[in-house]
Amino acid sequence: MSEASQDNYKNKEEKLPTNEMIKVIDYITISKNSSWWTAVVLAGDEGKKKVMLYMWYKKGDKWSRKQKFTIARKSDWVAYKEAVEKMFAKIE
């Protein structure tokens, strides 16, 4: 694992700018700079966990959600991943 990748697993002291109704269990920052923050978030309660992909942008001194994509079932992820890989194959 590269140093940059390892850094994504560190520094979780900073609270994610998710809605307060979202119970964040864990997250991995994919990228973050002064304007944009993307992360994969594990959220939910026991028995009802889901993975969400978030993108926020900085508006003044506050983070605002730009996009959110929820993956509720692992079987859904398999289909999404297969479709994305097929699209990438067309650009390589």
PDB file of N, CA and C in Angstrom:
ATOM      1  N   MET A   1       0.854  -1.181   0.000  1.00  0.00           N
ATOM      2  CA  MET A   1       0.000   0.000   0.000  1.00  0.00           C
ATOM      3  C   MET A   1       0.893   1.234   0.000  1.00  0.00           C
ATOM      4  N   SER A   2       0.596   2.209  -0.845  1.00  0.00           N
ATOM      5  CA  SER A   2       1.402   3.422  -0.932  1.00  0.00           C
ATOM      6  C   SER A   2       1.194   4.278   0.312  1.00  0.00           C
ATOM      7  N   GLU A   3       2.131   5.214   0.523  1.00  0.00           N
ATOM      8  CA  GLU A   3       1.988   6.124   1.662  1.00  0.00           C
ATOM      9  C   GLU A   3       0.717   6.938   1.555  1.00  0.00           C
ATOM     10  N   ALA A   4       0.398   7.386   0.341  1.00  0.00           N
ATOM     11  CA  ALA A   4      -0.826   8.171   0.147  1.00  0.00           C
ATOM     12  C   ALA A   4      -2.050   7.354   0.522  1.00  0.00           C
ATOM     13  N   SER A   5      -2.073   6.078   0.134  1.00  0.00           N
ATOM     14  CA  SER A   5      -3.203   5.218   0.480  1.00  0.00           C
ATOM     15  C   SER A   5      -3.287   5.004   1.977  1.00  0.00           C
ATOM     16  N   GLN A   6      -2.136   4.839   2.621  1.00  0.00           N
ATOM     17  CA  GLN A   6      -2.135   4.646   4.064  1.00  0.00           C
ATOM     18  C   GLN A   6      -2.671   5.886   4.765  1.00  0.00           C
ATOM     19  N   ASP A   7      -2.359   7.066   4.240  1.00  0.00           N
ATOM     20  CA  ASP A   7      -2.851   8.306   4.840  1.00  0.00           C
ATOM     21  C   ASP A   7      -4.369   8.368   4.822  1.00  0.00           C
ATOM     22  N   ASN A   8      -5.013   7.737   3.841  1.00  0.00           N
ATOM     23  CA  ASN A   8      -6.471   7.751   3.754  1.00  0.00           C
ATOM     24  C   ASN A   8      -7.109   7.041   4.937  1.00  0.00           C
ATOM     25  N   TYR A   9      -6.380   6.138   5.569  1.00  0.00           N
ATOM     26  CA  TYR A   9      -6.913   5.391   6.696  1.00  0.00           C
ATOM     27  C   TYR A   9      -6.624   6.090   8.025  1.00  0.00           C
ATOM     28  N   LYS A  10      -5.844   7.147   7.991  1.00  0.00           N
ATOM     29  CA  LYS A  10      -5.457   7.873   9.203  1.00  0.00           C
ATOM     30  C   LYS A  10      -6.274   9.148   9.339  1.00  0.00           C
ATOM     31  N   ASN A  11      -6.001   9.865  10.394  1.00  0.00           N
ATOM     32  CA  ASN A  11      -6.559  11.204  10.603  1.00  0.00           C
ATOM     33  C   ASN A  11      -8.083  11.218  10.588  1.00  0.00           C
ATOM     34  N   LYS A  12      -8.694  10.298  11.274  1.00  0.00           N
ATOM     35  CA  LYS A  12     -10.152  10.246  11.312  1.00  0.00           C
ATOM     36  C   LYS A  12     -10.724  11.081  12.448  1.00  0.00           C
ATOM     37  N   GLU A  13      -9.897  11.953  13.014  1.00  0.00           N
ATOM     38  CA  GLU A  13     -10.391  12.829  14.068  1.00  0.00           C
ATOM     39  C   GLU A  13     -11.390  13.831  13.499  1.00  0.00           C
ATOM     40  N   GLU A  14     -11.223  14.162  12.214  1.00  0.00           N
ATOM     41  CA  GLU A  14     -12.100  15.133  11.577  1.00  0.00           C
ATOM     42  C   GLU A  14     -13.454  14.496  11.291  1.00  0.00           C
ATOM     43  N   LYS A  15     -14.500  15.168  11.723  1.00  0.00           N
ATOM     44  CA  LYS A  15     -15.862  14.666  11.524  1.00  0.00           C
ATOM     45  C   LYS A  15     -16.275  14.871  10.071  1.00  0.00           C
ATOM     46  N   LEU A  16     -16.845  13.833   9.481  1.00  0.00           N
ATOM     47  CA  LEU A  16     -17.342  13.958   8.116  1.00  0.00           C
ATOM     48  C   LEU A  16     -18.526  14.922   8.069  1.00  0.00           C
ATOM     49  N   PRO A  17     -18.664  15.666   6.985  1.00  0.00           N
ATOM     50  CA  PRO A  17     -19.774  16.610   6.873  1.00  0.00           C
ATOM     51  C   PRO A  17     -21.071  15.952   6.384  1.00  0.00           C
ATOM     52  N   THR A  18     -21.416  14.819   6.960  1.00  0.00           N
ATOM     53  CA  THR A  18     -22.655  14.138   6.595  1.00  0.00           C
ATOM     54  C   THR A  18     -23.816  14.718   7.399  1.00  0.00           C
ATOM     55  N   ASN A  19     -25.013  14.432   6.953  1.00  0.00           N
ATOM     56  CA  ASN A  19     -26.215  14.821   7.677  1.00  0.00           C
ATOM     57  C   ASN A  19     -26.162  14.187   9.068  1.00  0.00           C
ATOM     58  N   GLU A  20     -26.609  14.897  10.079  1.00  0.00           N
ATOM     59  CA  GLU A  20     -26.545  14.378  11.450  1.00  0.00           C
ATOM     60  C   GLU A  20     -27.373  13.112  11.655  1.00  0.00           C
ATOM     61  N   MET A  21     -28.306  12.824  10.749  1.00  0.00           N
ATOM     62  CA  MET A  21     -29.119  11.605  10.844  1.00  0.00           C
ATOM     63  C   MET A  21     -28.330  10.361  10.411  1.00  0.00           C
ATOM     64  N   ILE A  22     -27.227  10.558   9.697  1.00  0.00           N
ATOM     65  CA  ILE A  22     -26.396   9.449   9.227  1.00  0.00           C
ATOM     66  C   ILE A  22     -25.468   9.014  10.353  1.00  0.00           C
ATOM     67  N   LYS A  23     -25.570   7.747  10.746  1.00  0.00           N
ATOM     68  CA  LYS A  23     -24.692   7.216  11.783  1.00  0.00           C
ATOM     69  C   LYS A  23     -23.462   6.612  11.098  1.00  0.00           C
ATOM     70  N   VAL A  24     -22.364   7.377  11.093  1.00  0.00           N
ATOM     71  CA  VAL A  24     -21.129   6.934  10.449  1.00  0.00           C
ATOM     72  C   VAL A  24     -20.426   5.919  11.339  1.00  0.00           C
ATOM     73  N   ILE A  25     -20.124   4.754  10.765  1.00  0.00           N
ATOM     74  CA  ILE A  25     -19.403   3.703  11.480  1.00  0.00           C
ATOM     75  C   ILE A  25     -17.911   3.803  11.175  1.00  0.00           C
ATOM     76  N   ASP A  26     -17.602   4.005   9.904  1.00  0.00           N
ATOM     77  CA  ASP A  26     -16.216   4.098   9.459  1.00  0.00           C
ATOM     78  C   ASP A  26     -16.198   4.820   8.116  1.00  0.00           C
ATOM     79  N   TYR A  27     -15.041   5.309   7.726  1.00  0.00           N
ATOM     80  CA  TYR A  27     -14.914   5.909   6.409  1.00  0.00           C
ATOM     81  C   TYR A  27     -13.479   5.869   5.932  1.00  0.00           C
ATOM     82  N   ILE A  28     -13.318   5.996   4.625  1.00  0.00           N
ATOM     83  CA  ILE A  28     -12.009   6.100   3.992  1.00  0.00           C
ATOM     84  C   ILE A  28     -12.063   7.315   3.070  1.00  0.00           C
ATOM     85  N   THR A  29     -11.165   8.257   3.301  1.00  0.00           N
ATOM     86  CA  THR A  29     -11.062   9.411   2.415  1.00  0.00           C
ATOM     87  C   THR A  29     -10.333   8.963   1.154  1.00  0.00           C
ATOM     88  N   ILE A  30     -10.938   9.217   0.005  1.00  0.00           N
ATOM     89  CA  ILE A  30     -10.310   8.905  -1.272  1.00  0.00           C
ATOM     90  C   ILE A  30      -9.403  10.068  -1.676  1.00  0.00           C
ATOM     91  N   SER A  31      -9.929  11.273  -1.582  1.00  0.00           N
ATOM     92  CA  SER A  31      -9.115  12.461  -1.853  1.00  0.00           C
ATOM     93  C   SER A  31      -9.708  13.646  -1.098  1.00  0.00           C
ATOM     94  N   LYS A  32      -8.824  14.584  -0.791  1.00  0.00           N
ATOM     95  CA  LYS A  32      -9.283  15.789  -0.106  1.00  0.00           C
ATOM     96  C   LYS A  32      -8.276  16.899  -0.362  1.00  0.00           C
ATOM     97  N   ASN A  33      -8.808  18.067  -0.739  1.00  0.00           N
ATOM     98  CA  ASN A  33      -7.980  19.256  -0.867  1.00  0.00           C
ATOM     99  C   ASN A  33      -8.773  20.429  -0.309  1.00  0.00           C
ATOM    100  N   SER A  34      -8.361  21.632  -0.589  1.00  0.00           N
ATOM    101  CA  SER A  34      -9.033  22.787   0.000  1.00  0.00           C
ATOM    102  C   SER A  34     -10.434  23.025  -0.556  1.00  0.00           C
ATOM    103  N   SER A  35     -10.755  22.403  -1.701  1.00  0.00           N
ATOM    104  CA  SER A  35     -12.056  22.630  -2.337  1.00  0.00           C
ATOM    105  C   SER A  35     -12.965  21.415  -2.403  1.00  0.00           C
ATOM    106  N   TRP A  36     -12.385  20.215  -2.489  1.00  0.00           N
ATOM    107  CA  TRP A  36     -13.161  18.985  -2.692  1.00  0.00           C
ATOM    108  C   TRP A  36     -12.750  17.896  -1.719  1.00  0.00           C
ATOM    109  N   TRP A  37     -13.731  17.056  -1.333  1.00  0.00           N
ATOM    110  CA  TRP A  37     -13.477  15.923  -0.436  1.00  0.00           C
ATOM    111  C   TRP A  37     -14.334  14.773  -0.937  1.00  0.00           C
ATOM    112  N   THR A  38     -13.718  13.637  -1.217  1.00  0.00           N
ATOM    113  CA  THR A  38     -14.458  12.429  -1.592  1.00  0.00           C
ATOM    114  C   THR A  38     -14.114  11.327  -0.600  1.00  0.00           C
ATOM    115  N   ALA A  39     -15.133  10.536  -0.260  1.00  0.00           N
ATOM    116  CA  ALA A  39     -14.930   9.469   0.724  1.00  0.00           C
ATOM    117  C   ALA A  39     -15.923   8.339   0.506  1.00  0.00           C
ATOM    118  N   VAL A  40     -15.524   7.161   0.953  1.00  0.00           N
ATOM    119  CA  VAL A  40     -16.404   6.003   1.020  1.00  0.00           C
ATOM    120  C   VAL A  40     -16.783   5.860   2.489  1.00  0.00           C
ATOM    121  N   VAL A  41     -18.081   5.775   2.770  1.00  0.00           N
ATOM    122  CA  VAL A  41     -18.581   5.792   4.144  1.00  0.00           C
ATOM    123  C   VAL A  41     -19.384   4.531   4.436  1.00  0.00           C
ATOM    124  N   LEU A  42     -19.096   3.896   5.561  1.00  0.00           N
ATOM    125  CA  LEU A  42     -19.916   2.798   6.077  1.00  0.00           C
ATOM    126  C   LEU A  42     -20.810   3.415   7.147  1.00  0.00           C
ATOM    127  N   ALA A  43     -22.109   3.262   6.973  1.00  0.00           N
ATOM    128  CA  ALA A  43     -23.043   3.893   7.901  1.00  0.00           C
ATOM    129  C   ALA A  43     -24.216   2.969   8.180  1.00  0.00           C
ATOM    130  N   GLY A  44     -24.973   3.314   9.213  1.00  0.00           N
ATOM    131  CA  GLY A  44     -26.177   2.569   9.540  1.00  0.00           C
ATOM    132  C   GLY A  44     -26.161   2.047  10.955  1.00  0.00           C
ATOM    133  N   ASP A  45     -27.106   1.186  11.212  1.00  0.00           N
ATOM    134  CA  ASP A  45     -27.241   0.539  12.510  1.00  0.00           C
ATOM    135  C   ASP A  45     -27.011  -0.952  12.337  1.00  0.00           C
ATOM    136  N   GLU A  46     -26.985  -1.671  13.456  1.00  0.00           N
ATOM    137  CA  GLU A  46     -26.809  -3.117  13.378  1.00  0.00           C
ATOM    138  C   GLU A  46     -27.869  -3.727  12.481  1.00  0.00           C
ATOM    139  N   GLY A  47     -27.420  -4.563  11.543  1.00  0.00           N
ATOM    140  CA  GLY A  47     -28.344  -5.243  10.656  1.00  0.00           C
ATOM    141  C   GLY A  47     -28.795  -4.415   9.471  1.00  0.00           C
ATOM    142  N   LYS A  48     -28.512  -3.132   9.458  1.00  0.00           N
ATOM    143  CA  LYS A  48     -28.956  -2.271   8.356  1.00  0.00           C
ATOM    144  C   LYS A  48     -27.823  -1.326   7.952  1.00  0.00           C
ATOM    145  N   LYS A  49     -26.683  -1.902   7.625  1.00  0.00           N
ATOM    146  CA  LYS A  49     -25.528  -1.108   7.233  1.00  0.00           C
ATOM    147  C   LYS A  49     -25.521  -0.920   5.727  1.00  0.00           C
ATOM    148  N   LYS A  50     -24.920   0.183   5.292  1.00  0.00           N
ATOM    149  CA  LYS A  50     -24.795   0.444   3.868  1.00  0.00           C
ATOM    150  C   LYS A  50     -23.510   1.213   3.606  1.00  0.00           C
ATOM    151  N   VAL A  51     -23.054   1.119   2.369  1.00  0.00           N
ATOM    152  CA  VAL A  51     -21.858   1.835   1.931  1.00  0.00           C
ATOM    153  C   VAL A  51     -22.316   2.995   1.061  1.00  0.00           C
ATOM    154  N   MET A  52     -21.730   4.159   1.310  1.00  0.00           N
ATOM    155  CA  MET A  52     -22.098   5.346   0.539  1.00  0.00           C
ATOM    156  C   MET A  52     -20.839   6.013  -0.002  1.00  0.00           C
ATOM    157  N   LEU A  53     -20.921   6.483  -1.219  1.00  0.00           N
ATOM    158  CA  LEU A  53     -19.850   7.255  -1.833  1.00  0.00           C
ATOM    159  C   LEU A  53     -20.280   8.715  -1.781  1.00  0.00           C
ATOM    160  N   TYR A  54     -19.450   9.555  -1.204  1.00  0.00           N
ATOM    161  CA  TYR A  54     -19.775  10.968  -1.045  1.00  0.00           C
ATOM    162  C   TYR A  54     -18.771  11.850  -1.771  1.00  0.00           C
ATOM    163  N   MET A  55     -19.256  13.002  -2.239  1.00  0.00           N
ATOM    164  CA  MET A  55     -18.405  14.063  -2.744  1.00  0.00           C
ATOM    165  C   MET A  55     -18.946  15.372  -2.177  1.00  0.00           C
ATOM    166  N   TRP A  56     -18.061  16.107  -1.500  1.00  0.00           N
ATOM    167  CA  TRP A  56     -18.421  17.411  -0.954  1.00  0.00           C
ATOM    168  C   TRP A  56     -17.534  18.473  -1.578  1.00  0.00           C
ATOM    169  N   TYR A  57     -18.035  19.700  -1.617  1.00  0.00           N
ATOM    170  CA  TYR A  57     -17.228  20.839  -2.039  1.00  0.00           C
ATOM    171  C   TYR A  57     -17.286  21.895  -0.939  1.00  0.00           C
ATOM    172  N   LYS A  58     -16.244  22.686  -0.865  1.00  0.00           N
ATOM    173  CA  LYS A  58     -16.162  23.707   0.184  1.00  0.00           C
ATOM    174  C   LYS A  58     -16.818  24.986  -0.322  1.00  0.00           C
ATOM    175  N   LYS A  59     -17.774  25.444   0.438  1.00  0.00           N
ATOM    176  CA  LYS A  59     -18.517  26.665   0.123  1.00  0.00           C
ATOM    177  C   LYS A  59     -18.250  27.627   1.277  1.00  0.00           C
ATOM    178  N   GLY A  60     -17.352  28.582   1.048  1.00  0.00           N
ATOM    179  CA  GLY A  60     -16.928  29.446   2.150  1.00  0.00           C
ATOM    180  C   GLY A  60     -16.091  28.634   3.116  1.00  0.00           C
ATOM    181  N   ASP A  61     -16.554  28.529   4.360  1.00  0.00           N
ATOM    182  CA  ASP A  61     -15.833  27.706   5.346  1.00  0.00           C
ATOM    183  C   ASP A  61     -16.609  26.452   5.710  1.00  0.00           C
ATOM    184  N   LYS A  62     -17.614  26.104   4.894  1.00  0.00           N
ATOM    185  CA  LYS A  62     -18.474  24.953   5.180  1.00  0.00           C
ATOM    186  C   LYS A  62     -18.467  23.963   4.011  1.00  0.00           C
ATOM    187  N   TRP A  63     -18.450  22.660   4.345  1.00  0.00           N
ATOM    188  CA  TRP A  63     -18.533  21.619   3.325  1.00  0.00           C
ATOM    189  C   TRP A  63     -19.998  21.398   2.957  1.00  0.00           C
ATOM    190  N   SER A  64     -20.267  21.301   1.652  1.00  0.00           N
ATOM    191  CA  SER A  64     -21.619  21.035   1.151  1.00  0.00           C
ATOM    192  C   SER A  64     -21.592  19.795   0.276  1.00  0.00           C
ATOM    193  N   ARG A  65     -22.608  18.967   0.413  1.00  0.00           N
ATOM    194  CA  ARG A  65     -22.657  17.735  -0.377  1.00  0.00           C
ATOM    195  C   ARG A  65     -22.955  18.048  -1.835  1.00  0.00           C
ATOM    196  N   LYS A  66     -22.139  17.494  -2.705  1.00  0.00           N
ATOM    197  CA  LYS A  66     -22.349  17.627  -4.144  1.00  0.00           C
ATOM    198  C   LYS A  66     -23.042  16.374  -4.681  1.00  0.00           C
ATOM    199  N   GLN A  67     -22.564  15.191  -4.234  1.00  0.00           N
ATOM    200  CA  GLN A  67     -23.141  13.929  -4.687  1.00  0.00           C
ATOM    201  C   GLN A  67     -23.077  12.887  -3.585  1.00  0.00           C
ATOM    202  N   LYS A  68     -24.043  11.980  -3.632  1.00  0.00           N
ATOM    203  CA  LYS A  68     -24.051  10.828  -2.725  1.00  0.00           C
ATOM    204  C   LYS A  68     -24.627   9.650  -3.499  1.00  0.00           C
ATOM    205  N   PHE A  69     -23.973   8.506  -3.372  1.00  0.00           N
ATOM    206  CA  PHE A  69     -24.441   7.290  -4.027  1.00  0.00           C
ATOM    207  C   PHE A  69     -24.440   6.190  -2.972  1.00  0.00           C
ATOM    208  N   THR A  70     -25.575   5.571  -2.753  1.00  0.00           N
ATOM    209  CA  THR A  70     -25.712   4.554  -1.711  1.00  0.00           C
ATOM    210  C   THR A  70     -25.742   3.161  -2.323  1.00  0.00           C
ATOM    211  N   ILE A  71     -24.969   2.269  -1.724  1.00  0.00           N
ATOM    212  CA  ILE A  71     -24.960   0.861  -2.121  1.00  0.00           C
ATOM    213  C   ILE A  71     -25.433   0.073  -0.901  1.00  0.00           C
ATOM    214  N   ALA A  72     -26.655  -0.416  -0.962  1.00  0.00           N
ATOM    215  CA  ALA A  72     -27.259  -1.062   0.203  1.00  0.00           C
ATOM    216  C   ALA A  72     -26.942  -2.558   0.277  1.00  0.00           C
ATOM    217  N   ARG A  73     -26.676  -3.175  -0.878  1.00  0.00           N
ATOM    218  CA  ARG A  73     -26.421  -4.629  -0.882  1.00  0.00           C
ATOM    219  C   ARG A  73     -25.140  -4.942  -1.642  1.00  0.00           C
ATOM    220  N   LYS A  74     -24.421  -5.925  -1.148  1.00  0.00           N
ATOM    221  CA  LYS A  74     -23.179  -6.333  -1.800  1.00  0.00           C
ATOM    222  C   LYS A  74     -23.446  -6.814  -3.223  1.00  0.00           C
ATOM    223  N   SER A  75     -24.566  -7.448  -3.447  1.00  0.00           N
ATOM    224  CA  SER A  75     -24.897  -7.934  -4.792  1.00  0.00           C
ATOM    225  C   SER A  75     -25.059  -6.767  -5.771  1.00  0.00           C
ATOM    226  N   ASP A  76     -25.552  -5.631  -5.296  1.00  0.00           N
ATOM    227  CA  ASP A  76     -25.642  -4.441  -6.142  1.00  0.00           C
ATOM    228  C   ASP A  76     -24.247  -3.987  -6.554  1.00  0.00           C
ATOM    229  N   TRP A  77     -23.316  -4.011  -5.603  1.00  0.00           N
ATOM    230  CA  TRP A  77     -21.952  -3.570  -5.886  1.00  0.00           C
ATOM    231  C   TRP A  77     -21.332  -4.407  -6.999  1.00  0.00           C
ATOM    232  N   VAL A  78     -21.575  -5.698  -6.990  1.00  0.00           N
ATOM    233  CA  VAL A  78     -21.023  -6.576  -8.026  1.00  0.00           C
ATOM    234  C   VAL A  78     -21.498  -6.108  -9.405  1.00  0.00           C
ATOM    235  N   ALA A  79     -22.760  -5.791  -9.531  1.00  0.00           N
ATOM    236  CA  ALA A  79     -23.310  -5.330 -10.810  1.00  0.00           C
ATOM    237  C   ALA A  79     -22.730  -3.965 -11.188  1.00  0.00           C
ATOM    238  N   TYR A  80     -22.633  -3.036 -10.236  1.00  0.00           N
ATOM    239  CA  TYR A  80     -22.064  -1.719 -10.522  1.00  0.00           C
ATOM    240  C   TYR A  80     -20.607  -1.837 -10.970  1.00  0.00           C
ATOM    241  N   LYS A  81     -19.849  -2.636 -10.238  1.00  0.00           N
ATOM    242  CA  LYS A  81     -18.426  -2.795 -10.534  1.00  0.00           C
ATOM    243  C   LYS A  81     -18.234  -3.388 -11.920  1.00  0.00           C
ATOM    244  N   GLU A  82     -19.011  -4.396 -12.255  1.00  0.00           N
ATOM    245  CA  GLU A  82     -18.905  -5.032 -13.574  1.00  0.00           C
ATOM    246  C   GLU A  82     -19.222  -4.019 -14.690  1.00  0.00           C
ATOM    247  N   ALA A  83     -20.257  -3.232 -14.508  1.00  0.00           N
ATOM    248  CA  ALA A  83     -20.634  -2.235 -15.512  1.00  0.00           C
ATOM    249  C   ALA A  83     -19.554  -1.160 -15.672  1.00  0.00           C
ATOM    250  N   VAL A  84     -19.000  -0.691 -14.563  1.00  0.00           N
ATOM    251  CA  VAL A  84     -17.954   0.334 -14.621  1.00  0.00           C
ATOM    252  C   VAL A  84     -16.710  -0.225 -15.308  1.00  0.00           C
ATOM    253  N   GLU A  85     -16.334  -1.452 -14.985  1.00  0.00           N
ATOM    254  CA  GLU A  85     -15.165  -2.065 -15.620  1.00  0.00           C
ATOM    255  C   GLU A  85     -15.365  -2.211 -17.123  1.00  0.00           C
ATOM    256  N   LYS A  86     -16.587  -2.524 -17.563  1.00  0.00           N
ATOM    257  CA  LYS A  86     -16.867  -2.607 -18.997  1.00  0.00           C
ATOM    258  C   LYS A  86     -16.694  -1.256 -19.669  1.00  0.00           C
ATOM    259  N   MET A  87     -17.103  -0.190 -18.999  1.00  0.00           N
ATOM    260  CA  MET A  87     -16.938   1.151 -19.561  1.00  0.00           C
ATOM    261  C   MET A  87     -15.462   1.535 -19.633  1.00  0.00           C
ATOM    262  N   PHE A  88     -14.686   1.216 -18.576  1.00  0.00           N
ATOM    263  CA  PHE A  88     -13.269   1.509 -18.597  1.00  0.00           C
ATOM    264  C   PHE A  88     -12.551   0.748 -19.702  1.00  0.00           C
ATOM    265  N   ALA A  89     -12.991  -0.471 -19.971  1.00  0.00           N
ATOM    266  CA  ALA A  89     -12.375  -1.273 -21.034  1.00  0.00           C
ATOM    267  C   ALA A  89     -12.526  -0.581 -22.391  1.00  0.00           C
ATOM    268  N   LYS A  90     -13.575   0.198 -22.553  1.00  0.00           N
ATOM    269  CA  LYS A  90     -13.821   0.897 -23.818  1.00  0.00           C
ATOM    270  C   LYS A  90     -12.940   2.138 -23.990  1.00  0.00           C
ATOM    271  N   ILE A  91     -12.318   2.608 -22.919  1.00  0.00           N
ATOM    272  CA  ILE A  91     -11.469   3.784 -23.042  1.00  0.00           C
ATOM    273  C   ILE A  91      -9.982   3.450 -22.959  1.00  0.00           C
ATOM    274  N   GLU A  92      -9.659   2.208 -22.734  1.00  0.00           N
ATOM    275  CA  GLU A  92      -8.241   1.814 -22.639  1.00  0.00           C
ATOM    276  C   GLU A  92      -7.685   1.419 -23.983  1.00  0.00           C
TER     277      GLU A  92
END
